[in-house]
């Protein structure tokens, strides 16, 4: 029973942490759009114009074009979520750019939330 139950439980736990990445990315993208409306740029100096969320399971980063007219937000898994990488850009396009072994092939043009899922 343990041979089946432990991997299943681990997948369940990993799936439960993925919304932490997607909600952080969506909220940051919304804040960047609000910032853009006020400043006509996603940049504040050389950095993106908003504070990124903090998380125990994901490291959030933002890159913006030098002209400030586009951005890409990234959530990279840390600790138990190592191997997962999700992105969103100024057009709202979501991508899974990395998955851990056994979860499927990346990149994919959506956020993958379970083992073997596709867009």
N, C-alpha and C. Protein backbone atom coordinates (compact mmCIF):
# COMPACT_ATOMS: atom_id res chain seq x y z
N UNK A 1 0.83 -1.20 0.00
CA UNK A 1 0.00 0.00 0.00
C UNK A 1 0.88 1.26 0.00
N UNK A 2 1.96 1.21 0.77
CA UNK A 2 2.83 2.39 0.88
C UNK A 2 3.45 2.77 -0.46
N UNK A 3 3.74 1.77 -1.29
CA UNK A 3 4.35 2.05 -2.60
C UNK A 3 3.41 2.87 -3.48
N UNK A 4 2.13 2.73 -3.30
CA UNK A 4 1.16 3.50 -4.07
C UNK A 4 0.76 4.78 -3.34
N UNK A 5 0.59 4.68 -2.04
CA UNK A 5 0.07 5.81 -1.27
C UNK A 5 1.05 6.97 -1.17
N UNK A 6 2.32 6.69 -0.94
CA UNK A 6 3.28 7.78 -0.77
C UNK A 6 3.46 8.64 -2.02
N UNK A 7 3.67 8.06 -3.20
CA UNK A 7 3.75 8.92 -4.40
C UNK A 7 2.47 9.69 -4.66
N UNK A 8 1.34 9.07 -4.41
CA UNK A 8 0.06 9.74 -4.62
C UNK A 8 -0.09 10.92 -3.64
N UNK A 9 0.28 10.69 -2.40
CA UNK A 9 0.22 11.76 -1.40
C UNK A 9 1.16 12.90 -1.77
N UNK A 10 2.38 12.56 -2.22
CA UNK A 10 3.34 13.59 -2.61
C UNK A 10 2.80 14.42 -3.77
N UNK A 11 2.22 13.78 -4.78
CA UNK A 11 1.62 14.52 -5.90
C UNK A 11 0.49 15.43 -5.41
N UNK A 12 -0.31 14.92 -4.49
CA UNK A 12 -1.41 15.73 -3.95
C UNK A 12 -0.86 16.98 -3.25
N UNK A 13 0.20 16.81 -2.47
CA UNK A 13 0.81 17.95 -1.79
C UNK A 13 1.39 18.95 -2.79
N UNK A 14 2.08 18.46 -3.82
CA UNK A 14 2.64 19.36 -4.83
C UNK A 14 1.53 20.14 -5.53
N UNK A 15 0.46 19.46 -5.91
CA UNK A 15 -0.66 20.13 -6.57
C UNK A 15 -1.27 21.21 -5.67
N UNK A 16 -1.27 20.98 -4.38
CA UNK A 16 -1.87 21.96 -3.46
C UNK A 16 -1.02 23.22 -3.35
N UNK A 17 0.27 23.16 -3.70
CA UNK A 17 1.15 24.32 -3.61
C UNK A 17 1.18 25.15 -4.89
N UNK A 18 0.76 24.59 -6.02
CA UNK A 18 0.83 25.30 -7.30
C UNK A 18 0.00 26.59 -7.31
N UNK A 19 -1.19 26.63 -6.69
CA UNK A 19 -1.93 27.91 -6.67
C UNK A 19 -1.18 29.06 -6.02
N UNK A 20 -0.21 28.76 -5.17
CA UNK A 20 0.62 29.80 -4.58
C UNK A 20 1.39 30.54 -5.68
N UNK A 21 1.86 29.80 -6.67
CA UNK A 21 2.57 30.41 -7.80
C UNK A 21 1.61 31.16 -8.70
N UNK A 22 0.53 30.51 -9.10
CA UNK A 22 -0.39 31.13 -10.06
C UNK A 22 -1.06 32.37 -9.48
N UNK A 23 -1.46 32.33 -8.22
CA UNK A 23 -2.09 33.52 -7.64
C UNK A 23 -1.08 34.65 -7.47
N UNK A 24 0.15 34.32 -7.09
CA UNK A 24 1.19 35.35 -6.97
C UNK A 24 1.50 36.00 -8.31
N UNK A 25 1.56 35.20 -9.36
CA UNK A 25 1.81 35.73 -10.70
C UNK A 25 0.65 36.60 -11.18
N UNK A 26 -0.57 36.13 -10.99
CA UNK A 26 -1.73 36.89 -11.45
C UNK A 26 -1.87 38.21 -10.70
N UNK A 27 -1.67 38.18 -9.40
CA UNK A 27 -1.76 39.41 -8.61
C UNK A 27 -0.66 40.40 -9.01
N UNK A 28 0.55 39.90 -9.22
CA UNK A 28 1.64 40.78 -9.64
C UNK A 28 1.39 41.37 -11.02
N UNK A 29 0.85 40.56 -11.94
CA UNK A 29 0.53 41.06 -13.28
C UNK A 29 -0.53 42.15 -13.21
N UNK A 30 -1.54 41.95 -12.37
CA UNK A 30 -2.58 42.97 -12.18
C UNK A 30 -1.97 44.26 -11.64
N UNK A 31 -1.11 44.14 -10.67
CA UNK A 31 -0.47 45.33 -10.09
C UNK A 31 0.42 46.03 -11.11
N UNK A 32 1.11 45.25 -11.95
CA UNK A 32 1.93 45.86 -12.99
C UNK A 32 1.07 46.60 -14.01
N UNK A 33 -0.10 46.06 -14.34
CA UNK A 33 -1.01 46.76 -15.26
C UNK A 33 -1.49 48.07 -14.64
N UNK A 34 -1.79 48.06 -13.35
CA UNK A 34 -2.18 49.29 -12.67
C UNK A 34 -1.03 50.30 -12.67
N UNK A 35 0.18 49.80 -12.43
CA UNK A 35 1.35 50.66 -12.47
C UNK A 35 1.53 51.26 -13.87
N UNK A 36 1.33 50.45 -14.88
CA UNK A 36 1.47 50.91 -16.26
C UNK A 36 0.46 52.01 -16.58
N UNK A 37 -0.76 51.87 -16.09
CA UNK A 37 -1.78 52.90 -16.33
C UNK A 37 -1.36 54.25 -15.76
N UNK A 38 -0.67 54.23 -14.65
CA UNK A 38 -0.23 55.47 -14.01
C UNK A 38 1.06 56.03 -14.59
N UNK A 39 1.95 55.17 -15.08
CA UNK A 39 3.29 55.60 -15.49
C UNK A 39 3.64 55.36 -16.95
N UNK A 40 2.77 54.68 -17.67
CA UNK A 40 3.00 54.34 -19.08
C UNK A 40 4.29 53.55 -19.30
N UNK A 41 4.66 52.81 -18.26
CA UNK A 41 5.83 51.94 -18.31
C UNK A 41 5.68 50.91 -17.20
N UNK A 42 6.21 49.70 -17.44
CA UNK A 42 6.22 48.68 -16.40
C UNK A 42 7.43 48.83 -15.50
N UNK A 43 8.35 49.72 -15.87
CA UNK A 43 9.59 49.90 -15.12
C UNK A 43 9.52 51.05 -14.13
N UNK A 44 10.21 50.85 -13.02
CA UNK A 44 10.47 51.90 -12.05
C UNK A 44 11.99 51.95 -11.96
N UNK A 45 12.58 52.81 -12.76
CA UNK A 45 14.04 52.80 -12.89
C UNK A 45 14.43 51.62 -13.76
N UNK A 46 15.24 50.72 -13.20
CA UNK A 46 15.64 49.52 -13.96
C UNK A 46 14.89 48.27 -13.50
N UNK A 47 14.00 48.40 -12.54
CA UNK A 47 13.27 47.26 -11.99
C UNK A 47 11.78 47.37 -12.34
N UNK A 48 11.10 46.25 -12.26
CA UNK A 48 9.65 46.28 -12.46
C UNK A 48 9.02 47.16 -11.39
N UNK A 49 7.92 47.78 -11.75
CA UNK A 49 7.32 48.81 -10.91
C UNK A 49 6.51 48.35 -9.72
N UNK A 50 6.55 47.08 -9.35
CA UNK A 50 5.79 46.60 -8.20
C UNK A 50 6.66 45.70 -7.33
N UNK A 51 6.26 45.57 -6.10
CA UNK A 51 6.93 44.64 -5.19
C UNK A 51 6.38 43.25 -5.45
N UNK A 52 7.26 42.30 -5.59
CA UNK A 52 6.85 40.92 -5.88
C UNK A 52 6.54 40.18 -4.59
N UNK A 53 5.64 39.19 -4.67
CA UNK A 53 5.29 38.44 -3.46
C UNK A 53 6.47 37.62 -2.94
N UNK A 54 6.40 37.27 -1.69
CA UNK A 54 7.37 36.35 -1.10
C UNK A 54 6.66 35.04 -0.80
N UNK A 55 7.41 33.97 -0.85
CA UNK A 55 6.82 32.65 -0.69
C UNK A 55 7.87 31.70 -0.16
N UNK A 56 7.43 30.68 0.56
CA UNK A 56 8.35 29.65 1.03
C UNK A 56 8.64 28.63 -0.07
N UNK A 57 7.76 28.54 -1.07
CA UNK A 57 7.88 27.49 -2.07
C UNK A 57 8.23 27.98 -3.46
N UNK A 58 8.17 29.30 -3.70
CA UNK A 58 8.47 29.86 -5.01
C UNK A 58 9.26 31.14 -4.86
N UNK A 59 10.19 31.34 -5.78
CA UNK A 59 10.92 32.61 -5.89
C UNK A 59 10.31 33.36 -7.08
N UNK A 60 9.84 34.56 -6.86
CA UNK A 60 9.22 35.37 -7.90
C UNK A 60 10.23 36.36 -8.45
N UNK A 61 10.21 36.52 -9.78
CA UNK A 61 11.08 37.49 -10.42
C UNK A 61 10.33 38.16 -11.56
N UNK A 62 10.85 39.31 -11.96
CA UNK A 62 10.23 40.08 -13.04
C UNK A 62 11.32 40.63 -13.94
N UNK A 63 11.12 40.47 -15.22
CA UNK A 63 12.00 41.12 -16.19
C UNK A 63 11.13 41.97 -17.09
N UNK A 64 11.60 43.15 -17.37
CA UNK A 64 10.87 44.06 -18.25
C UNK A 64 11.81 44.52 -19.36
N UNK A 65 11.23 44.78 -20.50
CA UNK A 65 12.01 45.29 -21.63
C UNK A 65 12.60 46.64 -21.27
N UNK A 66 13.72 46.97 -21.88
CA UNK A 66 14.41 48.23 -21.59
C UNK A 66 13.51 49.43 -21.84
N UNK A 67 12.56 49.33 -22.79
CA UNK A 67 11.65 50.44 -23.05
C UNK A 67 10.45 50.46 -22.11
N UNK A 68 10.34 49.47 -21.23
CA UNK A 68 9.26 49.44 -20.25
C UNK A 68 7.90 49.06 -20.80
N UNK A 69 7.85 48.53 -22.02
CA UNK A 69 6.56 48.26 -22.65
C UNK A 69 6.14 46.78 -22.60
N UNK A 70 6.93 45.93 -21.98
CA UNK A 70 6.56 44.53 -21.83
C UNK A 70 7.25 43.97 -20.58
N UNK A 71 6.69 42.87 -20.07
CA UNK A 71 7.28 42.23 -18.90
C UNK A 71 7.02 40.73 -18.96
N UNK A 72 7.78 40.01 -18.17
CA UNK A 72 7.52 38.60 -17.91
C UNK A 72 7.78 38.35 -16.44
N UNK A 73 6.76 37.85 -15.77
CA UNK A 73 6.86 37.46 -14.37
C UNK A 73 7.12 35.96 -14.32
N UNK A 74 7.96 35.54 -13.39
CA UNK A 74 8.32 34.13 -13.27
C UNK A 74 8.22 33.68 -11.82
N UNK A 75 7.65 32.50 -11.62
CA UNK A 75 7.65 31.83 -10.31
C UNK A 75 8.45 30.55 -10.48
N UNK A 76 9.58 30.48 -9.78
CA UNK A 76 10.46 29.32 -9.86
C UNK A 76 10.38 28.56 -8.55
N UNK A 77 10.09 27.28 -8.63
CA UNK A 77 9.92 26.47 -7.43
C UNK A 77 11.20 26.34 -6.63
N UNK A 78 11.06 26.38 -5.32
CA UNK A 78 12.16 26.15 -4.40
C UNK A 78 11.74 25.04 -3.45
N UNK A 79 12.69 24.50 -2.72
CA UNK A 79 12.43 23.44 -1.73
C UNK A 79 11.63 22.32 -2.38
N UNK A 80 10.49 21.98 -1.82
CA UNK A 80 9.67 20.87 -2.32
C UNK A 80 9.18 21.11 -3.74
N UNK A 81 9.09 22.35 -4.17
CA UNK A 81 8.56 22.68 -5.50
C UNK A 81 9.66 22.85 -6.54
N UNK A 82 10.87 22.47 -6.21
CA UNK A 82 11.98 22.58 -7.15
C UNK A 82 11.66 21.80 -8.42
N UNK A 83 11.93 22.43 -9.57
CA UNK A 83 11.65 21.82 -10.85
C UNK A 83 10.47 22.47 -11.56
N UNK A 84 9.63 23.18 -10.83
CA UNK A 84 8.48 23.88 -11.42
C UNK A 84 8.87 25.31 -11.76
N UNK A 85 8.50 25.78 -12.94
CA UNK A 85 8.65 27.18 -13.31
C UNK A 85 7.44 27.61 -14.13
N UNK A 86 6.80 28.69 -13.69
CA UNK A 86 5.61 29.22 -14.34
C UNK A 86 5.85 30.68 -14.70
N UNK A 87 5.27 31.15 -15.81
CA UNK A 87 5.42 32.55 -16.22
C UNK A 87 4.09 33.13 -16.67
N UNK A 88 4.04 34.46 -16.68
CA UNK A 88 2.94 35.21 -17.28
C UNK A 88 3.55 36.49 -17.85
N UNK A 89 3.00 36.98 -18.96
CA UNK A 89 3.52 38.21 -19.56
C UNK A 89 2.44 39.28 -19.61
N UNK A 90 2.79 40.43 -20.21
CA UNK A 90 1.88 41.59 -20.26
C UNK A 90 0.62 41.31 -21.06
N UNK A 91 0.62 40.29 -21.89
CA UNK A 91 -0.58 39.94 -22.66
C UNK A 91 -1.42 38.89 -21.95
N UNK A 92 -1.01 38.49 -20.76
CA UNK A 92 -1.74 37.48 -20.00
C UNK A 92 -1.46 36.06 -20.44
N UNK A 93 -0.44 35.87 -21.26
CA UNK A 93 -0.09 34.53 -21.71
C UNK A 93 0.63 33.78 -20.59
N UNK A 94 0.08 32.65 -20.22
CA UNK A 94 0.66 31.84 -19.16
C UNK A 94 1.43 30.68 -19.78
N UNK A 95 2.53 30.32 -19.11
CA UNK A 95 3.36 29.22 -19.61
C UNK A 95 3.93 28.44 -18.43
N UNK A 96 4.09 27.15 -18.66
CA UNK A 96 4.86 26.31 -17.76
C UNK A 96 6.16 26.05 -18.49
N UNK A 97 7.25 26.58 -17.97
CA UNK A 97 8.52 26.47 -18.68
C UNK A 97 9.40 25.35 -18.14
N UNK A 98 9.07 24.79 -16.98
CA UNK A 98 9.81 23.66 -16.45
C UNK A 98 8.92 22.85 -15.52
N UNK A 99 9.09 21.54 -15.57
CA UNK A 99 8.38 20.61 -14.70
C UNK A 99 9.37 19.60 -14.15
N UNK A 100 9.10 19.08 -12.94
CA UNK A 100 10.00 18.05 -12.41
C UNK A 100 9.85 16.74 -13.20
N UNK A 101 10.83 15.88 -13.06
CA UNK A 101 10.80 14.58 -13.73
C UNK A 101 9.49 13.85 -13.43
N UNK A 102 8.92 13.28 -14.47
CA UNK A 102 7.71 12.50 -14.33
C UNK A 102 6.42 13.29 -14.44
N UNK A 103 6.50 14.61 -14.51
CA UNK A 103 5.29 15.43 -14.60
C UNK A 103 4.92 15.76 -16.03
N UNK A 104 5.78 15.53 -16.97
CA UNK A 104 5.48 15.82 -18.38
C UNK A 104 6.57 16.67 -18.99
N UNK A 105 6.33 17.02 -20.25
CA UNK A 105 7.30 17.82 -21.00
C UNK A 105 6.92 19.29 -20.98
N UNK A 106 7.91 20.13 -20.84
CA UNK A 106 7.71 21.58 -20.89
C UNK A 106 8.63 22.11 -21.97
N UNK A 107 8.37 23.23 -22.58
CA UNK A 107 7.39 24.24 -22.20
C UNK A 107 5.99 23.93 -22.75
N UNK A 108 5.01 24.47 -22.03
CA UNK A 108 3.61 24.36 -22.41
C UNK A 108 2.97 25.73 -22.31
N UNK A 109 1.99 25.99 -23.13
CA UNK A 109 1.34 27.30 -23.20
C UNK A 109 0.20 27.44 -22.20
N UNK A 110 0.36 26.90 -21.02
CA UNK A 110 -0.61 27.04 -19.93
C UNK A 110 0.11 26.68 -18.64
N UNK A 111 -0.58 26.84 -17.52
CA UNK A 111 -0.01 26.41 -16.23
C UNK A 111 -0.47 24.99 -15.95
N UNK A 112 0.46 24.11 -15.77
CA UNK A 112 0.17 22.70 -15.48
C UNK A 112 -0.01 22.55 -13.96
N UNK A 113 -1.10 21.92 -13.56
CA UNK A 113 -1.37 21.79 -12.14
C UNK A 113 -1.43 20.34 -11.66
N UNK A 114 -1.17 19.39 -12.56
CA UNK A 114 -1.14 17.99 -12.11
C UNK A 114 -0.27 17.17 -13.07
N UNK A 115 0.24 16.09 -12.56
CA UNK A 115 1.12 15.19 -13.32
C UNK A 115 0.43 14.73 -14.60
N UNK A 116 1.16 14.85 -15.73
CA UNK A 116 0.65 14.35 -17.00
C UNK A 116 -0.36 15.23 -17.70
N UNK A 117 -0.71 16.38 -17.11
CA UNK A 117 -1.71 17.27 -17.73
C UNK A 117 -1.11 17.97 -18.95
N UNK A 118 -1.99 18.36 -19.87
CA UNK A 118 -1.59 19.14 -21.04
C UNK A 118 -2.53 20.33 -21.16
N UNK A 119 -2.21 21.21 -22.08
CA UNK A 119 -3.04 22.41 -22.28
C UNK A 119 -4.31 22.10 -23.05
